[in-house]
Amino acid sequence: MSALFISVHPDNPQPRYINQICNILDEGKVAVLPTDSAYALCCKTEQKQAVERIARIRQIDKHHNFTLLCRDLSELSTYAKVDNNIFRLLKHHIPGPYTFILPATKEVPRRLMNEKRKTIGMRIPSNAILDAIIDKLNEPLMSCSLILPGQTEALGDPVTINDEIGSLVDVIVDGGQLSVNPTTVISFEDDVPAVVRVGAGDPSDFE
């Protein structure tokens, strides 16, 4: 069975489509959603089977850092341990193409965090479609970059995504062709920023 393919305006998302996508996610389904750094596999955090499906599609293990997509720093602080210094530093870089690896709070399901380090990836992306979905759901989404097994880059073309994994997900949200530029990853595991990967975001403030 092929995924539902929904084309949404990238700047002014149609509310009827946002509602439809959110209803699908509420049912525990897996969605391909646009971000500010290519497309991602997403589901609601409490949906164990959906998380397991995403792990199978990506062929990743329990040590992989999943990422929570949040609306703002207040929501991020519910799921990650953020002191005042880190809060001020993050404030200058969100929303944007950064992934922050932070110690997880008890609000994060154990299956979503790095089992060894008890950390979680956190993002506050800049994408109108994704923003509308997260706002409507009123909670973060679990996400994983859409990098297929054997590949090194995430996918940015929704038509290609439909061809490749249309039978493995429930809905593909077409937000247009996206440039494939990974996020800059910053780790705060020891309360000191460390640049793990340089991507679309400027890493200079963290070095």
Protein backbone atom coordinates (compact mmCIF):
# COMPACT_ATOMS: atom_id res chain seq x y z
CA MET A 1 0.00 0.00 0.00
CA SER A 2 1.39 3.36 -1.04
CA ALA A 3 1.71 6.35 1.25
CA LEU A 4 -0.70 9.24 1.04
CA PHE A 5 1.07 12.04 -0.87
CA ILE A 6 0.04 15.54 0.21
CA SER A 7 1.42 18.67 -1.44
CA VAL A 8 1.41 21.60 0.99
CA HIS A 9 2.27 25.23 0.28
CA PRO A 10 5.76 25.77 1.73
CA ASP A 11 5.12 29.31 2.94
CA ASN A 12 1.39 29.31 3.70
CA PRO A 13 0.41 25.75 4.70
CA GLN A 14 -3.26 25.03 4.10
CA PRO A 15 -4.98 24.38 7.47
CA ARG A 16 -7.06 21.50 6.07
CA TYR A 17 -3.91 19.65 5.08
CA ILE A 18 -2.21 20.37 8.40
CA ASN A 19 -5.25 18.95 10.21
CA GLN A 20 -5.22 15.86 7.97
CA ILE A 21 -1.50 15.24 8.61
CA CYS A 22 -1.91 15.70 12.37
CA ASN A 23 -4.82 13.23 12.41
CA ILE A 24 -2.61 10.66 10.69
CA LEU A 25 0.18 11.22 13.22
CA ASP A 26 -2.35 10.96 16.08
CA GLU A 27 -3.19 7.47 14.79
CA GLY A 28 0.39 6.33 15.40
CA LYS A 29 1.50 6.54 11.79
CA VAL A 30 4.88 7.38 10.24
CA ALA A 31 5.22 10.57 8.20
CA VAL A 32 7.87 12.04 5.94
CA LEU A 33 8.00 15.76 6.70
CA PRO A 34 10.03 18.67 5.32
CA THR A 35 12.51 20.46 7.61
CA ASP A 36 15.04 23.23 7.04
CA SER A 37 17.61 20.55 6.17
CA ALA A 38 15.97 18.07 3.77
CA TYR A 39 13.23 15.59 4.72
CA ALA A 40 12.85 13.56 7.91
CA LEU A 41 10.98 10.49 9.13
CA CYS A 42 8.66 11.54 11.95
CA CYS A 43 6.12 10.20 14.42
CA LYS A 44 4.67 11.06 17.82
CA THR A 45 7.00 10.34 20.72
CA GLU A 46 4.73 7.87 22.55
CA GLN A 47 4.06 5.72 19.49
CA LYS A 48 6.42 2.79 20.11
CA GLN A 49 5.53 0.85 16.97
CA ALA A 50 6.02 3.91 14.77
CA VAL A 51 9.45 4.53 16.32
CA GLU A 52 10.36 0.91 15.66
CA ARG A 53 9.22 1.22 12.03
CA ILE A 54 11.44 4.27 11.54
CA ALA A 55 14.40 2.39 13.05
CA ARG A 56 13.81 -0.46 10.59
CA ILE A 57 13.60 1.89 7.61
CA ARG A 58 16.85 3.57 8.62
CA GLN A 59 18.44 0.31 9.87
CA ILE A 60 19.72 2.02 13.02
CA ASP A 61 20.41 0.56 16.46
CA LYS A 62 19.49 1.52 20.02
CA HIS A 63 22.55 3.77 20.35
CA HIS A 64 21.35 6.13 17.63
CA ASN A 65 20.42 9.64 18.75
CA PHE A 66 16.85 10.33 17.74
CA THR A 67 15.88 14.00 17.59
CA LEU A 68 12.88 15.78 19.08
CA LEU A 69 11.46 18.60 16.96
CA CYS A 70 10.22 21.33 19.29
CA ARG A 71 8.38 24.63 18.92
CA ASP A 72 10.56 26.75 21.17
CA LEU A 73 13.12 26.76 23.96
CA SER A 74 10.46 26.42 26.64
CA GLU A 75 9.30 23.14 25.14
CA LEU A 76 12.89 22.02 24.56
CA SER A 77 13.66 22.61 28.25
CA THR A 78 10.95 20.14 29.23
CA TYR A 79 12.79 17.30 27.51
CA ALA A 80 16.45 18.32 27.91
CA LYS A 81 18.51 19.55 30.84
CA VAL A 82 19.45 23.12 29.98
CA ASP A 83 21.16 25.49 32.42
CA ASN A 84 21.09 29.29 32.07
CA ASN A 85 24.34 29.51 30.13
CA ILE A 86 23.24 26.90 27.59
CA PHE A 87 19.79 28.49 27.36
CA ARG A 88 21.31 31.86 26.42
CA LEU A 89 23.60 30.27 23.85
CA LEU A 90 20.81 28.29 22.21
CA LYS A 91 18.54 31.33 22.14
CA HIS A 92 20.76 33.02 19.56
CA HIS A 93 20.67 30.06 17.17
CA ILE A 94 17.02 29.03 17.01
CA PRO A 95 15.05 28.46 14.97
CA GLY A 96 17.63 27.16 12.55
CA PRO A 97 19.63 24.25 11.13
CA TYR A 98 21.18 23.03 14.37
CA THR A 99 20.83 19.78 16.29
CA PHE A 100 21.76 19.98 19.97
CA ILE A 101 22.74 16.82 21.84
CA LEU A 102 21.67 17.34 25.44
CA PRO A 103 21.15 15.25 28.59
CA ALA A 104 17.58 13.96 28.51
CA THR A 105 15.04 14.60 31.26
CA LYS A 106 12.65 11.96 32.61
CA GLU A 107 10.02 13.26 30.16
CA VAL A 108 11.86 11.55 27.28
CA PRO A 109 10.85 7.91 26.70
CA ARG A 110 13.90 5.67 27.23
CA ARG A 111 13.56 4.16 23.76
CA LEU A 112 14.18 7.60 22.20
CA MET A 113 17.37 8.50 24.04
CA ASN A 114 20.88 7.22 23.52
CA GLU A 115 20.86 4.19 25.82
CA LYS A 116 24.52 4.55 26.80
CA ARG A 117 24.75 8.30 27.30
CA LYS A 118 21.12 9.13 28.23
CA THR A 119 21.13 11.98 25.73
CA ILE A 120 18.61 13.21 23.19
CA GLY A 121 18.94 15.27 20.03
CA MET A 122 16.87 18.47 20.08
CA ARG A 123 15.89 20.74 17.19
CA ILE A 124 13.87 23.90 16.73
CA PRO A 125 13.69 23.98 12.92
CA SER A 126 12.65 26.80 10.63
CA ASN A 127 10.06 25.37 8.26
CA ALA A 128 6.52 26.74 7.98
CA ILE A 129 4.89 23.35 7.31
CA LEU A 130 6.66 21.63 10.17
CA ASP A 131 6.00 24.56 12.50
CA ALA A 132 2.28 24.37 11.74
CA ILE A 133 2.17 20.61 12.38
CA ILE A 134 4.03 20.79 15.70
CA ASP A 135 1.92 23.73 16.81
CA LYS A 136 -1.32 21.90 15.97
CA LEU A 137 -0.18 18.72 17.75
CA ASN A 138 0.86 20.80 20.77
CA GLU A 139 3.81 18.50 21.45
CA PRO A 140 7.21 17.65 19.94
CA LEU A 141 7.70 15.10 17.18
CA MET A 142 10.28 12.35 17.16
CA SER A 143 12.39 12.57 14.02
CA CYS A 144 15.23 10.92 12.17
CA SER A 145 16.94 12.24 9.05
CA LEU A 146 15.74 10.47 5.92
CA ILE A 147 19.05 8.86 4.99
CA LEU A 148 18.43 5.48 3.41
CA PRO A 149 20.67 2.48 4.18
CA GLY A 150 23.86 2.62 2.14
CA GLN A 151 23.45 6.35 1.48
CA THR A 152 25.31 9.29 3.05
CA GLU A 153 22.91 12.16 2.35
CA ALA A 154 19.32 12.82 3.34
CA LEU A 155 16.72 13.02 0.58
CA GLY A 156 15.37 16.36 -0.58
CA ASP A 157 13.03 15.37 -3.42
CA PRO A 158 9.56 14.19 -2.30
CA VAL A 159 8.93 12.39 -5.59
CA THR A 160 12.14 10.36 -5.17
CA ILE A 161 11.16 9.66 -1.56
CA ASN A 162 7.79 8.35 -2.72
CA ASP A 163 9.51 6.09 -5.25
CA GLU A 164 12.01 4.79 -2.69
CA ILE A 165 9.91 4.27 0.47
CA GLY A 166 6.33 5.08 -0.46
CA SER A 167 5.29 1.59 0.58
CA LEU A 168 7.03 1.83 3.99
CA VAL A 169 5.48 5.03 5.41
CA ASP A 170 1.93 6.30 5.78
CA VAL A 171 2.11 9.87 4.51
CA ILE A 172 4.63 11.92 2.54
CA VAL A 173 4.25 15.67 2.86
CA ASP A 174 5.47 17.39 -0.28
CA GLY A 175 6.93 20.74 0.74
CA GLY A 176 8.84 21.15 -2.50
CA GLN A 177 12.36 20.28 -3.53
CA LEU A 178 14.67 20.96 -0.58
CA SER A 179 18.39 21.59 -0.59
CA VAL A 180 20.24 18.75 1.12
CA ASN A 181 22.38 20.41 3.77
CA PRO A 182 22.66 18.63 7.13
CA THR A 183 22.31 20.41 10.41
CA THR A 184 25.30 21.48 12.44
CA VAL A 185 25.43 19.18 15.46
CA ILE A 186 26.51 20.56 18.82
CA SER A 187 26.93 18.32 21.86
CA PHE A 188 26.47 19.60 25.42
CA GLU A 189 26.99 16.25 27.15
CA ASP A 190 29.53 17.74 29.58
CA ASP A 191 27.88 21.20 29.75
CA VAL A 192 30.56 22.49 27.36
CA PRO A 193 29.67 22.83 23.66
CA ALA A 194 31.52 20.54 21.27
CA VAL A 195 31.03 20.68 17.51
CA VAL A 196 30.24 17.14 16.36
CA ARG A 197 29.39 17.95 12.75
CA VAL A 198 29.62 21.13 10.70
CA GLY A 199 26.59 21.65 8.49
CA ALA A 200 24.25 24.46 7.49
CA GLY A 201 24.47 26.27 10.84
CA ASP A 202 27.45 28.49 11.71
CA PRO A 203 29.48 26.62 14.36
CA SER A 204 31.76 29.52 15.31
CA ASP A 205 29.92 30.45 18.53
CA PHE A 206 30.36 26.90 19.83
CA GLU A 207 34.05 26.45 19.13
